[in-house]
């Protein structure tokens, strides 16, 4: 009897072969990137509804299997084995909807009668999943309404769609562009904070700006040994570097900061957020994060205060990998030309930088095959 029940359960699981739905979702998402902004908002809500229907279907199949596995299950109690497929399917679907409707908490609803322990546990899990589905649907509906009413966001998205369509941009690149614009306008509060910071600094006298930049940017830069040594030699050097040669850079999730082989023009400190540096990535694998991870030879995670692409401060440099964000991030960028101009104005700091540069170039030549944009070293002159 148990073997027969298991075989029936496995037959029902054939209905759950929806593994290709992920690929379909990717294709649909790419096609939507070429559509108008308003249509995309409504279709995204419809996509959630379709996913909920798919989840209900899978849950109904699972629920039938649960009732068919035990001799006292609801399938046996209601003598469902001999009924037509449509009758069995919709009865299971009704049971799932009743579970999601919270009616299974006190007593199992009719027409199923008293439930087994396994069915009761499944009902509780169904209730929790139903609650999650309700919250997801409501949140998506509210977000859609906000996006539709936000005329500025809608206009820029329509402009983006028109640009992509008129220039026949590939679906993969169009999807990335659309995703970035959508995420950018969803984070209106963060944008307001960034703009307010810029307005705040512009309203302050330069002397106060220098003090703030020294503490905010200099404290992060001093996590690197070179800048810590420059501060020890002459604090004024670090103060001017933090104010004149460094700028704040804000990025959002899954934004690529540079690609393999591109000419480097600045160094970066990670101040806040999360990054991944990928080595050995082919240009054809850049479009999606999961492709980047699978196709890479090596993936490095960057810590706060780590100096990225330090080599460009001392020599011409091309990126050896690809750097992308895995969350909203804030960087401190060091401009190469401004760095050299500031350092040359302080004799002791300049002499130290020259000695350091010679050591670094020697180190770079000795390890040319293994050095990347994020390679850690232990060069120290003081």
Protein backbone atom coordinates (compact mmCIF):
# COMPACT_ATOMS: atom_id res chain seq x y z
CA UNK A 1 0.00 0.00 0.00
CA UNK A 2 2.79 2.43 0.89
CA UNK A 3 4.64 1.61 -2.33
CA UNK A 4 1.47 2.20 -4.36
CA UNK A 5 0.94 5.53 -2.59
CA UNK A 6 4.51 6.62 -3.27
CA UNK A 7 4.18 5.69 -6.95
CA UNK A 8 1.02 7.77 -7.23
CA UNK A 9 2.77 10.66 -5.51
CA UNK A 10 5.66 10.45 -7.97
CA UNK A 11 3.20 10.50 -10.88
CA UNK A 12 1.69 13.68 -9.51
CA UNK A 13 5.14 15.24 -9.28
CA UNK A 14 5.36 15.08 -13.08
CA UNK A 15 3.10 18.09 -13.10
CA UNK A 16 5.80 20.03 -11.24
CA UNK A 17 8.28 20.01 -14.12
CA UNK A 18 8.47 23.77 -14.39
CA UNK A 19 12.23 24.15 -14.34
CA UNK A 20 12.14 25.97 -17.68
CA UNK A 21 9.97 28.73 -16.24
CA UNK A 22 13.13 30.54 -15.11
CA UNK A 23 14.41 30.76 -18.69
CA UNK A 24 11.00 31.95 -19.86
CA UNK A 25 11.08 34.63 -17.15
CA UNK A 26 14.47 35.86 -18.35
CA UNK A 27 13.25 36.11 -21.95
CA UNK A 28 10.06 37.88 -20.90
CA UNK A 29 12.08 40.31 -18.78
CA UNK A 30 14.32 41.13 -21.73
CA UNK A 31 11.31 41.71 -24.00
CA UNK A 32 9.67 43.93 -21.41
CA UNK A 33 12.78 46.10 -21.35
CA UNK A 34 11.82 47.31 -24.83
CA UNK A 35 8.23 48.21 -23.87
CA UNK A 36 6.80 51.46 -22.57
CA UNK A 37 7.22 52.28 -18.88
CA UNK A 38 3.52 52.18 -17.97
CA UNK A 39 2.98 48.80 -19.63
CA UNK A 40 6.01 47.40 -17.84
CA UNK A 41 4.64 48.40 -14.42
CA UNK A 42 1.33 46.67 -15.03
CA UNK A 43 2.91 43.61 -16.63
CA UNK A 44 5.28 43.26 -13.70
CA UNK A 45 2.24 43.10 -11.42
CA UNK A 46 0.70 40.51 -13.73
CA UNK A 47 3.92 38.53 -13.57
CA UNK A 48 3.57 38.28 -9.78
CA UNK A 49 -0.03 37.10 -10.22
CA UNK A 50 1.10 34.43 -12.68
CA UNK A 51 3.79 33.27 -10.26
CA UNK A 52 1.16 32.99 -7.52
CA UNK A 53 -1.02 30.86 -9.83
CA UNK A 54 1.98 28.63 -10.56
CA UNK A 55 2.66 28.29 -6.84
CA UNK A 56 -0.99 27.34 -6.27
CA UNK A 57 -0.73 24.69 -8.98
CA UNK A 58 2.44 23.23 -7.47
CA UNK A 59 0.88 23.33 -4.00
CA UNK A 60 -2.23 21.50 -5.26
CA UNK A 61 -0.04 18.75 -6.72
CA UNK A 62 1.91 18.50 -3.49
CA UNK A 63 -1.29 18.50 -1.43
CA UNK A 64 -2.73 15.62 -3.45
CA UNK A 65 0.48 13.69 -2.96
CA UNK A 66 0.33 14.26 0.81
CA UNK A 67 -3.25 12.99 0.93
CA UNK A 68 -2.40 9.99 -1.22
CA UNK A 69 0.69 8.84 0.67
CA UNK A 70 -1.16 7.68 3.81
CA UNK A 71 -3.97 5.18 4.07
CA UNK A 72 -5.98 7.63 6.17
CA UNK A 73 -5.28 10.63 4.00
CA UNK A 74 -7.96 12.85 2.55
CA UNK A 75 -7.74 11.18 -0.88
CA UNK A 76 -8.68 7.85 0.67
CA UNK A 77 -11.32 9.35 2.97
CA UNK A 78 -13.11 10.99 0.06
CA UNK A 79 -12.59 8.02 -2.30
CA UNK A 80 -10.89 10.26 -4.83
CA UNK A 81 -8.88 7.52 -6.57
CA UNK A 82 -11.62 6.59 -9.00
CA UNK A 83 -12.78 10.13 -9.75
CA UNK A 84 -11.84 11.99 -12.96
CA UNK A 85 -8.56 13.89 -13.03
CA UNK A 86 -10.26 17.29 -13.16
CA UNK A 87 -12.29 16.46 -10.05
CA UNK A 88 -9.20 15.36 -8.12
CA UNK A 89 -7.19 18.39 -9.28
CA UNK A 90 -9.76 21.02 -8.39
CA UNK A 91 -10.54 19.34 -5.05
CA UNK A 92 -6.85 19.52 -4.17
CA UNK A 93 -6.73 23.14 -5.36
CA UNK A 94 -9.72 24.02 -3.17
CA UNK A 95 -7.97 22.47 -0.18
CA UNK A 96 -4.87 24.58 -0.84
CA UNK A 97 -6.94 27.77 -1.14
CA UNK A 98 -8.69 26.94 2.12
CA UNK A 99 -5.32 26.48 3.82
CA UNK A 100 -4.12 29.80 2.47
CA UNK A 101 -7.34 31.35 3.72
CA UNK A 102 -6.39 30.52 7.34
CA UNK A 103 -9.43 28.24 7.83
CA UNK A 104 -7.20 25.30 8.68
CA UNK A 105 -5.89 26.71 11.96
CA UNK A 106 -8.65 25.55 14.32
CA UNK A 107 -10.20 22.62 12.47
CA UNK A 108 -9.66 21.23 9.03
CA UNK A 109 -12.45 22.51 6.74
CA UNK A 110 -15.08 20.42 5.05
CA UNK A 111 -15.31 18.42 2.89
CA UNK A 112 -11.99 16.91 3.98
CA UNK A 113 -13.03 15.88 7.50
CA UNK A 114 -10.51 15.33 10.30
CA UNK A 115 -6.97 15.71 9.02
CA UNK A 116 -3.93 13.57 9.70
CA UNK A 117 -0.89 15.02 11.47
CA UNK A 118 1.02 15.31 8.20
CA UNK A 119 -1.87 17.16 6.60
CA UNK A 120 -2.12 19.54 9.54
CA UNK A 121 1.60 20.32 9.35
CA UNK A 122 1.30 20.90 5.62
CA UNK A 123 -1.66 23.20 6.26
CA UNK A 124 0.39 25.31 8.68
CA UNK A 125 3.21 25.59 6.12
CA UNK A 126 0.62 26.56 3.51
CA UNK A 127 -0.71 29.30 5.77
CA UNK A 128 2.78 30.79 6.19
CA UNK A 129 3.40 30.67 2.45
CA UNK A 130 0.03 32.25 1.84
CA UNK A 131 0.86 35.10 4.17
CA UNK A 132 4.11 35.67 2.30
CA UNK A 133 2.23 35.66 -1.02
CA UNK A 134 -0.30 38.19 0.25
CA UNK A 135 2.44 40.54 1.41
CA UNK A 136 4.33 40.18 -1.87
CA UNK A 137 1.26 40.92 -3.95
CA UNK A 138 0.24 43.95 -1.88
CA UNK A 139 3.80 45.33 -1.92
CA UNK A 140 4.02 44.89 -5.67
CA UNK A 141 0.66 46.59 -6.18
CA UNK A 142 1.67 49.55 -4.02
CA UNK A 143 5.03 49.85 -5.78
CA UNK A 144 3.30 49.76 -9.18
CA UNK A 145 0.91 52.53 -8.14
CA UNK A 146 3.78 54.69 -6.87
CA UNK A 147 5.77 54.19 -10.08
CA UNK A 148 2.77 55.02 -12.27
CA UNK A 149 2.05 58.21 -10.32
CA UNK A 150 5.72 59.30 -10.31
CA UNK A 151 5.71 61.28 -13.54
CA UNK A 152 9.43 62.07 -13.49
CA UNK A 153 10.33 58.38 -13.20
CA UNK A 154 7.82 57.44 -15.90
CA UNK A 155 9.18 60.04 -18.32
CA UNK A 156 12.79 58.98 -17.93
CA UNK A 157 11.79 55.32 -18.32
CA UNK A 158 9.85 56.12 -21.47
CA UNK A 159 12.85 58.03 -22.81
CA UNK A 160 15.04 55.05 -21.99
CA UNK A 161 12.70 52.64 -23.77
CA UNK A 162 12.55 54.91 -26.83
CA UNK A 163 16.33 55.19 -26.95
CA UNK A 164 16.79 51.42 -26.71
CA UNK A 165 14.13 50.72 -29.32
CA UNK A 166 15.24 53.38 -31.85
CA UNK A 167 18.86 52.24 -31.71
CA UNK A 168 18.09 48.51 -31.80
CA UNK A 169 19.98 47.79 -28.58
CA UNK A 170 20.34 44.08 -27.83
CA UNK A 171 17.85 42.55 -25.39
CA UNK A 172 20.50 41.67 -22.81
CA UNK A 173 21.99 45.17 -22.70
CA UNK A 174 18.52 46.75 -22.79
CA UNK A 175 17.50 44.63 -19.82
CA UNK A 176 20.54 45.78 -17.84
CA UNK A 177 19.84 49.42 -18.68
CA UNK A 178 16.17 49.17 -17.79
CA UNK A 179 17.00 47.40 -14.55
CA UNK A 180 19.42 50.12 -13.54
CA UNK A 181 16.95 52.94 -14.27
CA UNK A 182 14.14 51.16 -12.41
CA UNK A 183 16.33 50.48 -9.37
CA UNK A 184 17.59 54.06 -9.42
CA UNK A 185 14.11 55.54 -9.21
CA UNK A 186 12.99 53.04 -6.60
CA UNK A 187 15.66 54.42 -4.29
CA UNK A 188 14.32 57.96 -4.22
CA UNK A 189 15.10 58.36 -0.51
CA UNK A 190 18.75 57.42 -1.03
CA UNK A 191 19.01 59.84 -3.98
CA UNK A 192 17.59 62.62 -1.83
CA UNK A 193 20.16 61.90 0.89
CA UNK A 194 23.02 62.01 -1.61
CA UNK A 195 21.83 65.29 -3.08
CA UNK A 196 21.38 66.75 0.40
CA UNK A 197 24.98 65.80 1.25
CA UNK A 198 26.22 67.61 -1.85
CA UNK A 199 24.14 70.69 -0.97
CA UNK A 200 25.43 70.59 2.59
CA UNK A 201 29.09 70.52 1.57
CA UNK A 202 28.55 73.31 -0.97
CA UNK A 203 27.09 75.56 1.74
CA UNK A 204 30.10 75.16 4.07
CA UNK A 205 33.31 77.21 3.99
CA UNK A 206 36.26 75.47 2.38
CA UNK A 207 38.22 75.22 5.64
CA UNK A 208 35.38 73.26 7.22
CA UNK A 209 35.07 71.10 4.13
CA UNK A 210 38.76 70.21 4.42
CA UNK A 211 38.30 69.14 8.06
CA UNK A 212 35.27 67.02 7.25
CA UNK A 213 36.94 65.39 4.25
CA UNK A 214 40.03 64.61 6.30
CA UNK A 215 38.02 62.69 8.89
CA UNK A 216 35.49 61.11 6.51
CA UNK A 217 37.80 60.19 3.62
CA UNK A 218 41.17 60.23 5.33
CA UNK A 219 40.12 57.69 7.96
CA UNK A 220 39.24 55.22 5.21
CA UNK A 221 42.38 55.95 3.17
CA UNK A 222 44.60 55.41 6.21
CA UNK A 223 43.53 51.78 6.29
CA UNK A 224 46.07 51.45 3.48
CA UNK A 225 49.72 51.51 4.53
CA UNK A 226 50.80 54.11 1.94
CA UNK A 227 48.32 56.75 3.07
CA UNK A 228 48.97 55.95 6.72
CA UNK A 229 52.68 56.64 6.10
CA UNK A 230 51.87 59.91 4.30
CA UNK A 231 49.84 61.02 7.30
CA UNK A 232 52.75 60.26 9.64
CA UNK A 233 55.19 62.20 7.46
CA UNK A 234 53.01 65.27 6.99
CA UNK A 235 49.37 65.45 8.01
CA UNK A 236 48.81 68.35 5.61
CA UNK A 237 49.48 65.99 2.71
CA UNK A 238 46.62 63.72 3.67
CA UNK A 239 44.33 66.69 4.34
CA UNK A 240 44.84 68.10 0.86
CA UNK A 241 44.62 64.66 -0.76
CA UNK A 242 41.29 64.00 0.99
CA UNK A 243 39.92 67.35 -0.11
CA UNK A 244 41.36 67.82 -3.60
CA UNK A 245 42.28 64.38 -4.96
CA UNK A 246 39.43 62.29 -3.52
CA UNK A 247 35.74 62.29 -4.38
CA UNK A 248 32.76 60.29 -3.16
CA UNK A 249 31.21 57.83 -5.60
CA UNK A 250 27.79 56.27 -5.00
CA UNK A 251 26.65 53.13 -6.81
CA UNK A 252 23.69 50.79 -6.65
CA UNK A 253 23.43 47.03 -6.76
CA UNK A 254 24.92 45.09 -9.69
CA UNK A 255 26.65 48.10 -11.18
CA UNK A 256 29.90 47.36 -13.02
CA UNK A 257 32.69 49.81 -12.18
CA UNK A 258 35.21 48.56 -14.74
CA UNK A 259 35.80 45.73 -17.20
CA UNK A 260 38.83 43.58 -17.94
CA UNK A 261 41.28 45.27 -20.31
CA UNK A 262 39.92 48.80 -19.92
CA UNK A 263 42.39 51.59 -19.21
CA UNK A 264 42.38 52.62 -15.57
CA UNK A 265 42.16 56.30 -14.59
CA UNK A 266 41.57 56.21 -10.83
CA UNK A 267 42.04 54.19 -7.67
CA UNK A 268 39.14 53.32 -5.39
CA UNK A 269 38.60 52.78 -1.68
CA UNK A 270 35.51 50.87 -0.61
CA UNK A 271 33.89 52.94 2.13
CA UNK A 272 30.58 51.17 2.52
CA UNK A 273 28.77 48.36 0.72
CA UNK A 274 29.76 45.06 -0.90
CA UNK A 275 31.81 44.22 -3.99
CA UNK A 276 33.01 41.27 -6.01
CA UNK A 277 36.09 41.30 -8.19
CA UNK A 278 36.02 38.71 -10.98
CA UNK A 279 39.11 37.49 -12.86
CA UNK A 280 39.12 35.59 -16.13
CA UNK A 281 35.72 36.68 -17.40
CA UNK A 282 34.95 36.56 -21.11
CA UNK A 283 33.21 39.61 -22.61
CA UNK A 284 30.20 37.47 -23.60
CA UNK A 285 29.52 36.61 -19.93
CA UNK A 286 29.06 40.15 -18.66
CA UNK A 287 25.32 40.49 -18.96
CA UNK A 288 24.06 38.66 -15.87
CA UNK A 289 25.54 38.29 -12.35
CA UNK A 290 25.12 34.52 -12.20
CA UNK A 291 26.94 34.15 -15.55
CA UNK A 292 29.79 36.27 -14.20
CA UNK A 293 30.13 34.00 -11.18
CA UNK A 294 30.04 30.76 -13.17
CA UNK A 295 32.37 31.87 -15.97
CA UNK A 296 35.05 33.45 -13.76
CA UNK A 297 38.39 31.88 -12.95
CA UNK A 298 38.50 33.59 -9.54
CA UNK A 299 36.15 35.73 -7.47
CA UNK A 300 37.42 38.01 -4.69
CA UNK A 301 35.36 39.81 -2.05
CA UNK A 302 36.56 43.33 -1.19
CA UNK A 303 36.77 44.63 2.39
CA UNK A 304 36.26 48.19 3.58
CA UNK A 305 39.35 50.37 3.16
CA UNK A 306 40.99 48.16 0.55
CA UNK A 307 42.76 50.16 -2.18
CA UNK A 308 41.62 49.00 -5.62
CA UNK A 309 43.81 49.54 -8.72
CA UNK A 310 46.68 51.05 -6.76
CA UNK A 311 49.06 50.47 -9.69
CA UNK A 312 47.57 53.37 -11.67
CA UNK A 313 49.03 55.80 -9.11
CA UNK A 314 52.54 54.80 -10.22
CA UNK A 315 52.31 53.54 -13.80
CA UNK A 316 49.96 53.03 -16.72
CA UNK A 317 47.51 50.30 -15.86
CA UNK A 318 44.79 48.24 -17.51
CA UNK A 319 42.28 46.42 -15.37
CA UNK A 320 42.99 42.72 -14.91
CA UNK A 321 39.42 41.83 -13.93
CA UNK A 322 35.87 43.08 -13.57
CA UNK A 323 34.55 44.86 -10.48
CA UNK A 324 30.83 44.92 -9.76
CA UNK A 325 28.71 45.80 -6.75
CA UNK A 326 26.48 43.30 -4.95
CA UNK A 327 24.62 46.02 -3.03
CA UNK A 328 24.33 49.78 -2.69
CA UNK A 329 27.88 51.01 -2.14
CA UNK A 330 29.92 54.14 -1.49
CA UNK A 331 33.50 54.58 -2.72
CA UNK A 332 36.26 57.11 -2.36
CA UNK A 333 37.89 57.67 -5.74
CA UNK A 334 41.49 58.90 -5.97
CA UNK A 335 42.17 60.92 -9.12
CA UNK A 336 45.59 60.08 -10.57
CA UNK A 337 46.49 63.57 -11.82
CA UNK A 338 45.34 65.32 -8.64
CA UNK A 339 47.20 62.77 -6.52
CA UNK A 340 50.45 63.55 -8.32
CA UNK A 341 49.89 67.31 -8.16
CA UNK A 342 49.25 67.27 -4.40
CA UNK A 343 52.16 64.93 -3.57
CA UNK A 344 54.65 67.01 -5.59
CA UNK A 345 53.88 70.03 -3.40
CA UNK A 346 55.21 68.40 -0.20
CA UNK A 347 58.92 67.57 -0.28
CA UNK A 348 59.03 64.84 2.38
CA UNK A 349 55.84 63.19 1.16
CA UNK A 350 57.12 63.40 -2.42
CA UNK A 351 60.43 61.72 -1.51
CA UNK A 352 58.57 58.96 0.29
CA UNK A 353 56.22 58.49 -2.65
CA UNK A 354 59.18 58.19 -5.06
CA UNK A 355 60.82 55.49 -2.93
CA UNK A 356 57.50 53.71 -2.55
CA UNK A 357 56.83 53.88 -6.29
CA UNK A 358 60.21 52.30 -7.09
CA UNK A 359 59.54 49.46 -4.66
CA UNK A 360 56.04 48.99 -6.02
CA UNK A 361 57.16 48.90 -9.68
CA UNK A 362 59.84 46.34 -8.75
CA UNK A 363 57.17 44.28 -6.98
CA UNK A 364 54.87 44.63 -9.98
CA UNK A 365 57.54 43.42 -12.39
CA UNK A 366 58.42 40.44 -10.20
CA UNK A 367 54.79 39.36 -9.92
CA UNK A 368 53.37 40.51 -13.24
CA UNK A 369 51.48 37.25 -13.82
CA UNK A 370 49.69 37.20 -10.49
CA UNK A 371 49.07 40.88 -9.65
CA UNK A 372 45.48 42.06 -10.14
CA UNK A 373 43.54 45.21 -9.27
CA UNK A 374 42.91 43.93 -5.74
CA UNK A 375 46.21 42.18 -4.95
CA UNK A 376 47.33 42.73 -1.35
CA UNK A 377 50.98 43.34 -0.62
CA UNK A 378 53.12 44.21 2.39
CA UNK A 379 55.29 47.04 1.06
CA UNK A 380 56.36 49.26 3.93
CA UNK A 381 59.14 51.87 4.08
CA UNK A 382 58.64 53.38 7.52
